[in-house]
Amino acid sequence: MNESPRPQRFNAERSAAIAALLANVAQDGTPENRHFQNTKGKRILLAGIVVALVATGGAVVMQLPVTDKSSIDCFARAELHGNQFPGTTVVLGEGTQIGEPSTQRNPIPIEDALAACRHVWAQHVLDPDAPDGRTHPSRRDRSSSYPVPNPLTVCVLSDGRAAVIPGDEKVCDSLGLALKTDPAP
């Protein structure tokens, strides 16, 4: 075997370079010192943010816009198991668009998920005590005067659709969902 000698890890030249670098870091106004000061400040800022998050209980709420308005999920209670939830999915009719064949069907976009689910609640379609979250059709309220839970919150599902769930803004995070962002003014 042919063993090549290992180079020395620290020789006089390398030691001098390290000493010069340390001197530059310690000397005010050098690029090395400014870099050290900047990164030190960023570490302190990051540590401050972490402390603030811990102090507030990590109450950072992820917000996303609704990107798919083809249907919405109206929850009867704050419960989600994979894609299964107690409640119903709402779709507003289907139609064809200009230039499409008559066999092509498109759902009408739902612009106000909260209003749509309030209407579903007012008709007593949802029942938080029912296993599947739905009221038997014979018990529905055709006058749309059934009490609507307050508050209802709009969350965003992983596929971009809206989910309207009984509870305040914390309900989205408790189910691993994002809170719906308000539209830009």
N, C-alpha and C. Protein backbone atom coordinates (compact mmCIF):
# COMPACT_ATOMS: atom_id res chain seq x y z
N MET A 1 0.83 -1.18 0.00
CA MET A 1 0.00 0.00 0.00
C MET A 1 0.87 1.24 0.00
N ASN A 2 0.33 2.23 -0.64
CA ASN A 2 1.06 3.48 -0.74
C ASN A 2 0.35 4.52 0.12
N GLU A 3 0.90 4.82 1.29
CA GLU A 3 0.30 5.80 2.18
C GLU A 3 0.90 7.15 1.91
N SER A 4 0.04 8.11 1.68
CA SER A 4 0.55 9.46 1.50
C SER A 4 0.54 10.15 2.86
N PRO A 5 1.52 10.95 3.13
CA PRO A 5 1.56 11.61 4.43
C PRO A 5 0.42 12.62 4.53
N ARG A 6 -0.19 12.68 5.69
CA ARG A 6 -1.30 13.63 5.92
C ARG A 6 -0.73 15.03 6.08
N PRO A 7 -1.38 15.99 5.48
CA PRO A 7 -0.90 17.36 5.68
C PRO A 7 -1.21 17.79 7.11
N GLN A 8 -0.39 18.64 7.65
CA GLN A 8 -0.63 19.13 8.99
C GLN A 8 -1.90 19.96 9.00
N ARG A 9 -2.70 19.77 10.05
CA ARG A 9 -3.94 20.54 10.14
C ARG A 9 -3.64 22.00 10.41
N PHE A 10 -2.71 22.26 11.27
CA PHE A 10 -2.37 23.64 11.59
C PHE A 10 -0.89 23.85 11.35
N ASN A 11 -0.62 24.69 10.43
CA ASN A 11 0.77 25.09 10.21
C ASN A 11 0.86 26.58 10.51
N ALA A 12 1.99 27.13 10.39
CA ALA A 12 2.20 28.54 10.75
C ALA A 12 1.34 29.46 9.88
N GLU A 13 1.22 29.12 8.60
CA GLU A 13 0.44 29.97 7.68
C GLU A 13 -1.04 29.96 8.07
N ARG A 14 -1.58 28.78 8.35
CA ARG A 14 -2.99 28.65 8.72
C ARG A 14 -3.24 29.32 10.06
N SER A 15 -2.35 29.15 11.01
CA SER A 15 -2.51 29.80 12.31
C SER A 15 -2.52 31.31 12.17
N ALA A 16 -1.69 31.85 11.30
CA ALA A 16 -1.65 33.30 11.08
C ALA A 16 -2.96 33.78 10.45
N ALA A 17 -3.53 33.00 9.52
CA ALA A 17 -4.79 33.37 8.87
C ALA A 17 -5.93 33.38 9.89
N ILE A 18 -5.95 32.40 10.78
CA ILE A 18 -7.00 32.33 11.81
C ILE A 18 -6.86 33.52 12.76
N ALA A 19 -5.63 33.83 13.15
CA ALA A 19 -5.40 34.97 14.05
C ALA A 19 -5.85 36.27 13.39
N ALA A 20 -5.58 36.43 12.08
CA ALA A 20 -5.98 37.65 11.37
C ALA A 20 -7.51 37.75 11.29
N LEU A 21 -8.18 36.62 11.05
CA LEU A 21 -9.63 36.61 10.97
C LEU A 21 -10.24 37.00 12.31
N LEU A 22 -9.75 36.43 13.40
CA LEU A 22 -10.25 36.76 14.73
C LEU A 22 -10.03 38.23 15.04
N ALA A 23 -8.88 38.76 14.65
CA ALA A 23 -8.59 40.17 14.88
C ALA A 23 -9.56 41.04 14.09
N ASN A 24 -9.89 40.65 12.86
CA ASN A 24 -10.84 41.41 12.05
C ASN A 24 -12.25 41.35 12.61
N VAL A 25 -12.63 40.21 13.17
CA VAL A 25 -13.95 40.08 13.77
C VAL A 25 -14.04 40.99 14.99
N ALA A 26 -12.97 41.08 15.75
CA ALA A 26 -12.98 41.89 16.97
C ALA A 26 -12.84 43.38 16.69
N GLN A 27 -12.32 43.76 15.53
CA GLN A 27 -12.07 45.18 15.22
C GLN A 27 -13.32 45.80 14.60
N ASP A 28 -13.81 46.89 15.22
CA ASP A 28 -15.00 47.59 14.72
C ASP A 28 -14.78 48.10 13.30
N GLY A 29 -15.85 48.01 12.48
CA GLY A 29 -15.82 48.58 11.14
C GLY A 29 -15.35 47.64 10.05
N THR A 30 -14.77 46.50 10.37
CA THR A 30 -14.32 45.57 9.33
C THR A 30 -15.51 44.79 8.81
N PRO A 31 -15.43 44.28 7.57
CA PRO A 31 -16.55 43.48 7.04
C PRO A 31 -16.84 42.26 7.92
N GLU A 32 -15.80 41.65 8.46
CA GLU A 32 -16.01 40.47 9.31
C GLU A 32 -16.75 40.85 10.58
N ASN A 33 -16.43 42.01 11.16
CA ASN A 33 -17.09 42.47 12.38
C ASN A 33 -18.55 42.80 12.10
N ARG A 34 -18.83 43.49 10.97
CA ARG A 34 -20.21 43.82 10.61
C ARG A 34 -21.03 42.55 10.40
N HIS A 35 -20.45 41.55 9.73
CA HIS A 35 -21.16 40.29 9.52
C HIS A 35 -21.47 39.62 10.86
N PHE A 36 -20.50 39.61 11.75
CA PHE A 36 -20.70 39.01 13.07
C PHE A 36 -21.81 39.76 13.81
N GLN A 37 -21.78 41.09 13.78
CA GLN A 37 -22.78 41.89 14.48
C GLN A 37 -24.17 41.67 13.88
N ASN A 38 -24.25 41.62 12.54
CA ASN A 38 -25.54 41.39 11.88
C ASN A 38 -26.12 40.04 12.23
N THR A 39 -25.32 39.00 12.18
CA THR A 39 -25.85 37.68 12.49
C THR A 39 -26.17 37.55 13.96
N LYS A 40 -25.41 38.24 14.82
CA LYS A 40 -25.71 38.22 16.26
C LYS A 40 -27.07 38.87 16.48
N GLY A 41 -27.33 39.99 15.80
CA GLY A 41 -28.61 40.67 15.94
C GLY A 41 -29.76 39.80 15.45
N LYS A 42 -29.53 39.08 14.37
CA LYS A 42 -30.57 38.19 13.84
C LYS A 42 -30.86 37.06 14.81
N ARG A 43 -29.81 36.54 15.45
CA ARG A 43 -30.02 35.47 16.43
C ARG A 43 -30.81 35.99 17.62
N ILE A 44 -30.50 37.22 18.07
CA ILE A 44 -31.23 37.81 19.19
C ILE A 44 -32.68 38.05 18.79
N LEU A 45 -32.92 38.54 17.58
CA LEU A 45 -34.27 38.76 17.09
C LEU A 45 -35.05 37.45 17.02
N LEU A 46 -34.42 36.42 16.48
CA LEU A 46 -35.07 35.11 16.39
C LEU A 46 -35.40 34.57 17.78
N ALA A 47 -34.48 34.72 18.71
CA ALA A 47 -34.73 34.27 20.09
C ALA A 47 -35.90 35.05 20.68
N GLY A 48 -35.98 36.35 20.40
CA GLY A 48 -37.10 37.16 20.89
C GLY A 48 -38.43 36.70 20.33
N ILE A 49 -38.44 36.35 19.05
CA ILE A 49 -39.67 35.86 18.42
C ILE A 49 -40.10 34.55 19.06
N VAL A 50 -39.16 33.67 19.30
CA VAL A 50 -39.48 32.37 19.93
C VAL A 50 -40.06 32.60 21.31
N VAL A 51 -39.46 33.50 22.09
CA VAL A 51 -39.97 33.80 23.44
C VAL A 51 -41.38 34.36 23.34
N ALA A 52 -41.62 35.25 22.38
CA ALA A 52 -42.95 35.84 22.22
C ALA A 52 -43.99 34.77 21.86
N LEU A 53 -43.61 33.84 20.99
CA LEU A 53 -44.53 32.76 20.62
C LEU A 53 -44.85 31.88 21.82
N VAL A 54 -43.85 31.56 22.59
CA VAL A 54 -44.07 30.73 23.78
C VAL A 54 -44.96 31.49 24.76
N ALA A 55 -44.70 32.79 24.93
CA ALA A 55 -45.47 33.59 25.87
C ALA A 55 -46.93 33.70 25.46
N THR A 56 -47.21 33.71 24.16
CA THR A 56 -48.60 33.82 23.70
C THR A 56 -49.23 32.45 23.46
N GLY A 57 -48.54 31.41 23.84
CA GLY A 57 -49.08 30.07 23.64
C GLY A 57 -49.00 29.63 22.20
N GLY A 58 -48.10 30.23 21.43
CA GLY A 58 -47.95 29.84 20.02
C GLY A 58 -49.16 30.19 19.20
N ALA A 59 -49.85 31.26 19.57
CA ALA A 59 -51.09 31.62 18.91
C ALA A 59 -50.86 32.27 17.55
N VAL A 60 -50.10 31.63 16.71
CA VAL A 60 -49.92 32.10 15.35
C VAL A 60 -50.88 31.30 14.49
N VAL A 61 -51.77 31.99 13.82
CA VAL A 61 -52.79 31.32 13.03
C VAL A 61 -52.42 31.42 11.56
N MET A 62 -52.33 30.26 10.92
CA MET A 62 -52.04 30.26 9.50
C MET A 62 -53.31 30.68 8.76
N GLN A 63 -53.15 31.59 7.81
CA GLN A 63 -54.29 32.05 7.02
C GLN A 63 -54.02 31.82 5.55
N LEU A 64 -55.06 31.38 4.85
CA LEU A 64 -54.98 31.14 3.41
C LEU A 64 -56.26 31.61 2.75
N PRO A 65 -56.21 31.92 1.48
CA PRO A 65 -57.45 32.26 0.76
C PRO A 65 -58.14 30.97 0.29
N VAL A 66 -59.43 31.08 0.05
CA VAL A 66 -60.18 29.97 -0.56
C VAL A 66 -59.88 30.04 -2.05
N THR A 67 -59.34 28.95 -2.61
CA THR A 67 -58.99 28.94 -4.02
C THR A 67 -59.94 28.10 -4.87
N ASP A 68 -60.73 27.24 -4.24
CA ASP A 68 -61.68 26.39 -4.97
C ASP A 68 -63.07 26.68 -4.43
N LYS A 69 -63.88 27.35 -5.23
CA LYS A 69 -65.23 27.75 -4.80
C LYS A 69 -66.31 26.88 -5.41
N SER A 70 -65.92 25.67 -5.88
CA SER A 70 -66.89 24.78 -6.51
C SER A 70 -67.84 24.15 -5.50
N SER A 71 -67.40 23.98 -4.27
CA SER A 71 -68.25 23.43 -3.22
C SER A 71 -67.67 23.83 -1.87
N ILE A 72 -68.48 23.71 -0.84
CA ILE A 72 -68.03 23.98 0.52
C ILE A 72 -68.51 22.87 1.44
N ASP A 73 -67.79 22.68 2.53
CA ASP A 73 -68.20 21.71 3.54
C ASP A 73 -68.76 22.46 4.73
N CYS A 74 -70.01 22.15 5.11
CA CYS A 74 -70.64 22.74 6.29
C CYS A 74 -70.58 21.69 7.39
N PHE A 75 -69.83 21.98 8.43
CA PHE A 75 -69.63 21.05 9.54
C PHE A 75 -70.74 21.23 10.58
N ALA A 76 -71.23 20.13 11.13
CA ALA A 76 -72.20 20.17 12.21
C ALA A 76 -71.51 20.36 13.56
N ARG A 77 -70.27 19.94 13.65
CA ARG A 77 -69.46 20.11 14.85
C ARG A 77 -67.99 20.10 14.46
N ALA A 78 -67.14 20.56 15.33
CA ALA A 78 -65.71 20.68 15.06
C ALA A 78 -65.04 19.32 15.20
N GLU A 79 -65.10 18.56 14.11
CA GLU A 79 -64.55 17.20 14.10
C GLU A 79 -64.13 16.86 12.67
N LEU A 80 -62.92 16.33 12.53
CA LEU A 80 -62.42 15.99 11.20
C LEU A 80 -61.53 14.76 11.32
N HIS A 81 -61.82 13.74 10.53
CA HIS A 81 -61.03 12.51 10.51
C HIS A 81 -60.64 12.23 9.06
N GLY A 82 -59.44 12.66 8.69
CA GLY A 82 -59.02 12.54 7.29
C GLY A 82 -59.89 13.46 6.46
N ASN A 83 -60.64 12.89 5.52
CA ASN A 83 -61.58 13.68 4.71
C ASN A 83 -63.02 13.55 5.21
N GLN A 84 -63.21 12.78 6.29
CA GLN A 84 -64.55 12.55 6.82
C GLN A 84 -64.87 13.60 7.88
N PHE A 85 -66.08 14.17 7.82
CA PHE A 85 -66.51 15.17 8.79
C PHE A 85 -68.01 15.03 8.99
N PRO A 86 -68.52 15.44 10.16
CA PRO A 86 -69.97 15.42 10.38
C PRO A 86 -70.59 16.65 9.74
N GLY A 87 -71.41 16.46 8.76
CA GLY A 87 -72.05 17.59 8.08
C GLY A 87 -72.38 17.26 6.65
N THR A 88 -72.37 18.28 5.82
CA THR A 88 -72.76 18.09 4.42
C THR A 88 -71.92 18.98 3.51
N THR A 89 -71.82 18.58 2.26
CA THR A 89 -71.13 19.38 1.24
C THR A 89 -72.18 20.09 0.41
N VAL A 90 -71.95 21.37 0.16
CA VAL A 90 -72.90 22.18 -0.59
C VAL A 90 -72.32 22.51 -1.96
N VAL A 91 -73.12 22.29 -3.00
CA VAL A 91 -72.76 22.65 -4.37
C VAL A 91 -73.94 23.44 -4.92
N LEU A 92 -73.64 24.59 -5.54
CA LEU A 92 -74.71 25.42 -6.10
C LEU A 92 -74.90 25.09 -7.57
N GLY A 93 -75.82 24.23 -7.87
CA GLY A 93 -76.18 23.92 -9.23
C GLY A 93 -75.02 23.69 -10.18
N GLU A 94 -75.32 23.30 -11.36
CA GLU A 94 -74.31 23.11 -12.39
C GLU A 94 -74.88 23.62 -13.70
N GLY A 95 -74.01 24.08 -14.54
CA GLY A 95 -74.46 24.56 -15.84
C GLY A 95 -73.34 24.45 -16.84
N THR A 96 -73.62 24.84 -18.05
CA THR A 96 -72.59 24.83 -19.08
C THR A 96 -72.10 26.25 -19.29
N GLN A 97 -70.87 26.39 -19.72
CA GLN A 97 -70.32 27.70 -20.03
C GLN A 97 -70.34 27.88 -21.54
N ILE A 98 -70.33 29.13 -21.96
CA ILE A 98 -70.37 29.45 -23.38
C ILE A 98 -69.21 28.77 -24.09
N GLY A 99 -69.51 28.10 -25.19
CA GLY A 99 -68.47 27.45 -25.99
C GLY A 99 -68.18 26.02 -25.56
N GLU A 100 -68.79 25.54 -24.47
CA GLU A 100 -68.56 24.16 -24.03
C GLU A 100 -69.67 23.26 -24.56
N PRO A 101 -69.37 21.99 -24.73
CA PRO A 101 -70.43 21.06 -25.14
C PRO A 101 -71.49 20.97 -24.04
N SER A 102 -72.71 20.67 -24.41
CA SER A 102 -73.81 20.62 -23.44
C SER A 102 -73.62 19.50 -22.42
N THR A 103 -72.70 18.59 -22.66
CA THR A 103 -72.46 17.52 -21.69
C THR A 103 -71.49 17.96 -20.59
N GLN A 104 -70.79 19.08 -20.78
CA GLN A 104 -69.86 19.60 -19.79
C GLN A 104 -70.64 20.31 -18.69
N ARG A 105 -70.44 19.92 -17.43
CA ARG A 105 -71.15 20.52 -16.30
C ARG A 105 -70.16 21.25 -15.41
N ASN A 106 -70.50 22.42 -14.96
CA ASN A 106 -69.64 23.23 -14.10
C ASN A 106 -70.43 23.71 -12.89
N PRO A 107 -69.92 23.51 -11.70
CA PRO A 107 -70.62 24.05 -10.53
C PRO A 107 -70.55 25.58 -10.53
N ILE A 108 -71.56 26.20 -10.00
CA ILE A 108 -71.58 27.66 -9.87
C ILE A 108 -70.71 28.00 -8.67
N PRO A 109 -69.76 28.92 -8.81
CA PRO A 109 -68.88 29.24 -7.68
C PRO A 109 -69.65 29.78 -6.48
N ILE A 110 -69.26 29.36 -5.30
CA ILE A 110 -69.87 29.84 -4.06
C ILE A 110 -68.96 30.94 -3.52
N GLU A 111 -69.42 32.15 -3.60
CA GLU A 111 -68.61 33.30 -3.19
C GLU A 111 -68.67 33.56 -1.70
N ASP A 112 -69.79 33.22 -1.04
CA ASP A 112 -69.94 33.48 0.39
C ASP A 112 -70.24 32.18 1.13
N ALA A 113 -69.18 31.49 1.52
CA ALA A 113 -69.33 30.19 2.19
C ALA A 113 -70.09 30.32 3.50
N LEU A 114 -69.82 31.38 4.25
CA LEU A 114 -70.48 31.57 5.54
C LEU A 114 -71.99 31.72 5.38
N ALA A 115 -72.42 32.52 4.41
CA ALA A 115 -73.86 32.71 4.17
C ALA A 115 -74.51 31.40 3.72
N ALA A 116 -73.82 30.64 2.88
CA ALA A 116 -74.38 29.37 2.40
C ALA A 116 -74.59 28.40 3.55
N CYS A 117 -73.61 28.29 4.44
CA CYS A 117 -73.75 27.35 5.56
C CYS A 117 -74.74 27.85 6.60
N ARG A 118 -74.83 29.17 6.77
CA ARG A 118 -75.87 29.69 7.67
C ARG A 118 -77.25 29.29 7.16
N HIS A 119 -77.43 29.35 5.85
CA HIS A 119 -78.71 28.95 5.25
C HIS A 119 -78.98 27.46 5.50
N VAL A 120 -77.94 26.63 5.38
CA VAL A 120 -78.09 25.19 5.65
C VAL A 120 -78.48 24.96 7.10
N TRP A 121 -77.84 25.68 8.03
CA TRP A 121 -78.19 25.57 9.45
C TRP A 121 -79.64 26.02 9.68
N ALA A 122 -80.04 27.15 9.06
CA ALA A 122 -81.39 27.70 9.27
C ALA A 122 -82.47 26.75 8.79
N GLN A 123 -82.14 25.87 7.84
CA GLN A 123 -83.09 24.87 7.36
C GLN A 123 -83.04 23.59 8.21
N HIS A 124 -82.20 23.59 9.26
CA HIS A 124 -82.01 22.44 10.16
C HIS A 124 -81.56 21.19 9.39
N VAL A 125 -80.67 21.41 8.43
CA VAL A 125 -80.07 20.30 7.69
C VAL A 125 -78.99 19.64 8.55
N LEU A 126 -78.36 20.44 9.42
CA LEU A 126 -77.27 19.95 10.26
C LEU A 126 -77.73 19.71 11.69
N ASP A 127 -77.21 18.64 12.29
CA ASP A 127 -77.52 18.29 13.67
C ASP A 127 -76.24 17.83 14.34
N PRO A 128 -75.69 18.62 15.28
CA PRO A 128 -74.43 18.24 15.92
C PRO A 128 -74.51 16.95 16.72
N ASP A 129 -75.72 16.53 17.09
CA ASP A 129 -75.87 15.29 17.86
C ASP A 129 -76.01 14.04 17.00
N ALA A 130 -76.25 14.21 15.71
CA ALA A 130 -76.38 13.05 14.82
C ALA A 130 -74.99 12.52 14.48
N PRO A 131 -74.84 11.19 14.39
CA PRO A 131 -73.52 10.62 14.10
C PRO A 131 -72.87 11.18 12.83
N ASP A 132 -73.66 11.37 11.78
CA ASP A 132 -73.10 11.90 10.53
C ASP A 132 -73.27 13.41 10.42
N GLY A 133 -73.85 14.03 11.45
CA GLY A 133 -74.01 15.47 11.48
C GLY A 133 -75.19 16.00 10.69
N ARG A 134 -76.02 15.11 10.15
CA ARG A 134 -77.15 15.55 9.32
C ARG A 134 -78.48 15.19 9.96
N THR A 135 -79.44 16.08 9.81
CA THR A 135 -80.78 15.88 10.32
C THR A 135 -81.56 15.01 9.35
N HIS A 136 -82.42 14.17 9.86
CA HIS A 136 -83.29 13.37 8.99
C HIS A 136 -84.17 14.34 8.19
N PRO A 137 -84.37 14.08 6.89
CA PRO A 137 -85.16 15.01 6.06
C PRO A 137 -86.54 15.36 6.62
N SER A 138 -87.17 14.45 7.37
CA SER A 138 -88.50 14.73 7.91
C SER A 138 -88.46 15.81 9.00
N ARG A 139 -87.29 16.11 9.55
CA ARG A 139 -87.17 17.09 10.64
C ARG A 139 -86.64 18.44 10.16
N ARG A 140 -86.49 18.61 8.85
CA ARG A 140 -85.95 19.86 8.32
C ARG A 140 -86.96 20.99 8.47
N ASP A 141 -86.46 22.23 8.55
CA ASP A 141 -87.28 23.42 8.75
C ASP A 141 -87.40 24.19 7.44
N ARG A 142 -88.52 24.04 6.77
CA ARG A 142 -88.71 24.67 5.46
C ARG A 142 -88.84 26.20 5.57
N SER A 143 -89.13 26.69 6.77
CA SER A 143 -89.27 28.15 6.94
C SER A 143 -87.91 28.83 7.13
N SER A 144 -86.85 28.06 7.22
CA SER A 144 -85.49 28.58 7.42
C SER A 144 -85.38 29.45 8.66
N SER A 145 -86.01 29.01 9.75
CA SER A 145 -85.97 29.79 10.99
C SER A 145 -85.29 29.05 12.13
N TYR A 146 -84.63 27.93 11.82
CA TYR A 146 -83.95 27.17 12.86
C TYR A 146 -82.74 27.98 13.35
N PRO A 147 -82.42 27.93 14.66
CA PRO A 147 -81.29 28.72 15.17
C PRO A 147 -79.96 28.31 14.55
N VAL A 148 -79.17 29.32 14.23
CA VAL A 148 -77.85 29.12 13.62
C VAL A 148 -76.80 29.32 14.71
N PRO A 149 -75.84 28.39 14.84
CA PRO A 149 -74.80 28.57 15.86
C PRO A 149 -74.00 29.85 15.62
N ASN A 150 -73.55 30.42 16.73
CA ASN A 150 -72.73 31.61 16.64
C ASN A 150 -71.60 31.46 17.65
N PRO A 151 -70.37 31.52 17.23
CA PRO A 151 -69.89 31.89 15.91
C PRO A 151 -69.72 30.68 15.00
N LEU A 152 -69.70 30.97 13.71
CA LEU A 152 -69.29 30.01 12.68
C LEU A 152 -68.02 30.60 12.07
N THR A 153 -67.06 29.76 11.78
CA THR A 153 -65.78 30.23 11.24
C THR A 153 -65.48 29.55 9.92
N VAL A 154 -64.94 30.32 8.97
CA VAL A 154 -64.56 29.77 7.67
C VAL A 154 -63.08 29.38 7.72
N CYS A 155 -62.82 28.09 7.52
CA CYS A 155 -61.47 27.55 7.44
C CYS A 155 -61.20 27.14 6.00
N VAL A 156 -59.96 26.82 5.70
CA VAL A 156 -59.60 26.41 4.35
C VAL A 156 -59.05 24.98 4.40
N LEU A 157 -59.68 24.09 3.63
CA LEU A 157 -59.24 22.70 3.56
C LEU A 157 -57.96 22.60 2.73
N SER A 158 -57.29 21.47 2.81
CA SER A 158 -56.03 21.30 2.08
C SER A 158 -56.21 21.38 0.57
N ASP A 159 -57.42 21.13 0.07
CA ASP A 159 -57.67 21.22 -1.38
C ASP A 159 -58.08 22.63 -1.82
N GLY A 160 -58.10 23.59 -0.88
CA GLY A 160 -58.42 24.97 -1.22
C GLY A 160 -59.88 25.35 -1.09
N ARG A 161 -60.73 24.39 -0.70
CA ARG A 161 -62.16 24.68 -0.53
C ARG A 161 -62.43 25.22 0.87
N ALA A 162 -63.56 25.89 1.03
CA ALA A 162 -63.95 26.43 2.33
C ALA A 162 -64.64 25.36 3.16
N ALA A 163 -64.41 25.43 4.46
CA ALA A 163 -65.11 24.60 5.43
C ALA A 163 -65.64 25.54 6.50
N VAL A 164 -66.95 25.52 6.74
CA VAL A 164 -67.55 26.39 7.74
C VAL A 164 -67.85 25.53 8.96
N ILE A 165 -67.24 25.93 10.09
CA ILE A 165 -67.23 25.08 11.28
C ILE A 165 -67.74 25.88 12.48
N PRO A 166 -68.61 25.29 13.32
CA PRO A 166 -69.03 25.98 14.54
C PRO A 166 -67.83 26.21 15.46
N GLY A 167 -67.69 27.45 15.93
CA GLY A 167 -66.61 27.80 16.84
C GLY A 167 -65.92 29.07 16.40
N ASP A 168 -65.02 29.55 17.26
CA ASP A 168 -64.30 30.79 16.94
C ASP A 168 -63.09 30.46 16.06
N GLU A 169 -62.23 31.46 15.83
CA GLU A 169 -61.11 31.31 14.91
C GLU A 169 -60.13 30.21 15.32
N LYS A 170 -60.12 29.83 16.58
CA LYS A 170 -59.20 28.78 17.06
C LYS A 170 -59.60 27.40 16.53
N VAL A 171 -60.84 27.26 16.07
CA VAL A 171 -61.32 25.95 15.63
C VAL A 171 -60.54 25.44 14.42
N CYS A 172 -60.12 26.35 13.55
CA CYS A 172 -59.37 25.94 12.35
C CYS A 172 -58.07 25.27 12.76
N ASP A 173 -57.32 25.94 13.62
CA ASP A 173 -56.03 25.41 14.06
C ASP A 173 -56.21 24.09 14.81
N SER A 174 -57.28 23.98 15.60
CA SER A 174 -57.50 22.75 16.37
C SER A 174 -57.73 21.55 15.46
N LEU A 175 -58.19 21.80 14.23
CA LEU A 175 -58.42 20.72 13.26
C LEU A 175 -57.30 20.61 12.23
N GLY A 176 -56.25 21.42 12.39
CA GLY A 176 -55.13 21.39 11.45
C GLY A 176 -55.42 22.08 10.14
N LEU A 177 -56.35 23.04 10.16
CA LEU A 177 -56.73 23.77 8.96
C LEU A 177 -56.29 25.22 9.07
N ALA A 178 -56.23 25.89 7.95
CA ALA A 178 -55.90 27.31 7.92
C ALA A 178 -57.18 28.13 8.06
N LEU A 179 -57.05 29.29 8.66
CA LEU A 179 -58.15 30.23 8.75
C LEU A 179 -58.25 30.95 7.41
N LYS A 180 -59.47 31.21 6.93
CA LYS A 180 -59.65 31.91 5.65
C LYS A 180 -59.20 33.35 5.82
N THR A 181 -58.41 33.83 4.88
CA THR A 181 -58.01 35.24 4.89
C THR A 181 -59.17 36.08 4.37
N ASP A 182 -59.23 37.30 4.89
CA ASP A 182 -60.24 38.24 4.39
C ASP A 182 -59.80 38.71 3.02
N PRO A 183 -60.75 38.93 2.12
CA PRO A 183 -60.36 39.42 0.78
C PRO A 183 -59.75 40.81 0.89
N ALA A 184 -58.85 41.11 -0.01
CA ALA A 184 -58.20 42.43 -0.04
C ALA A 184 -59.24 43.50 -0.31
N PRO A 185 -59.11 44.68 0.35
CA PRO A 185 -60.13 45.74 0.15
C PRO A 185 -60.06 46.32 -1.23
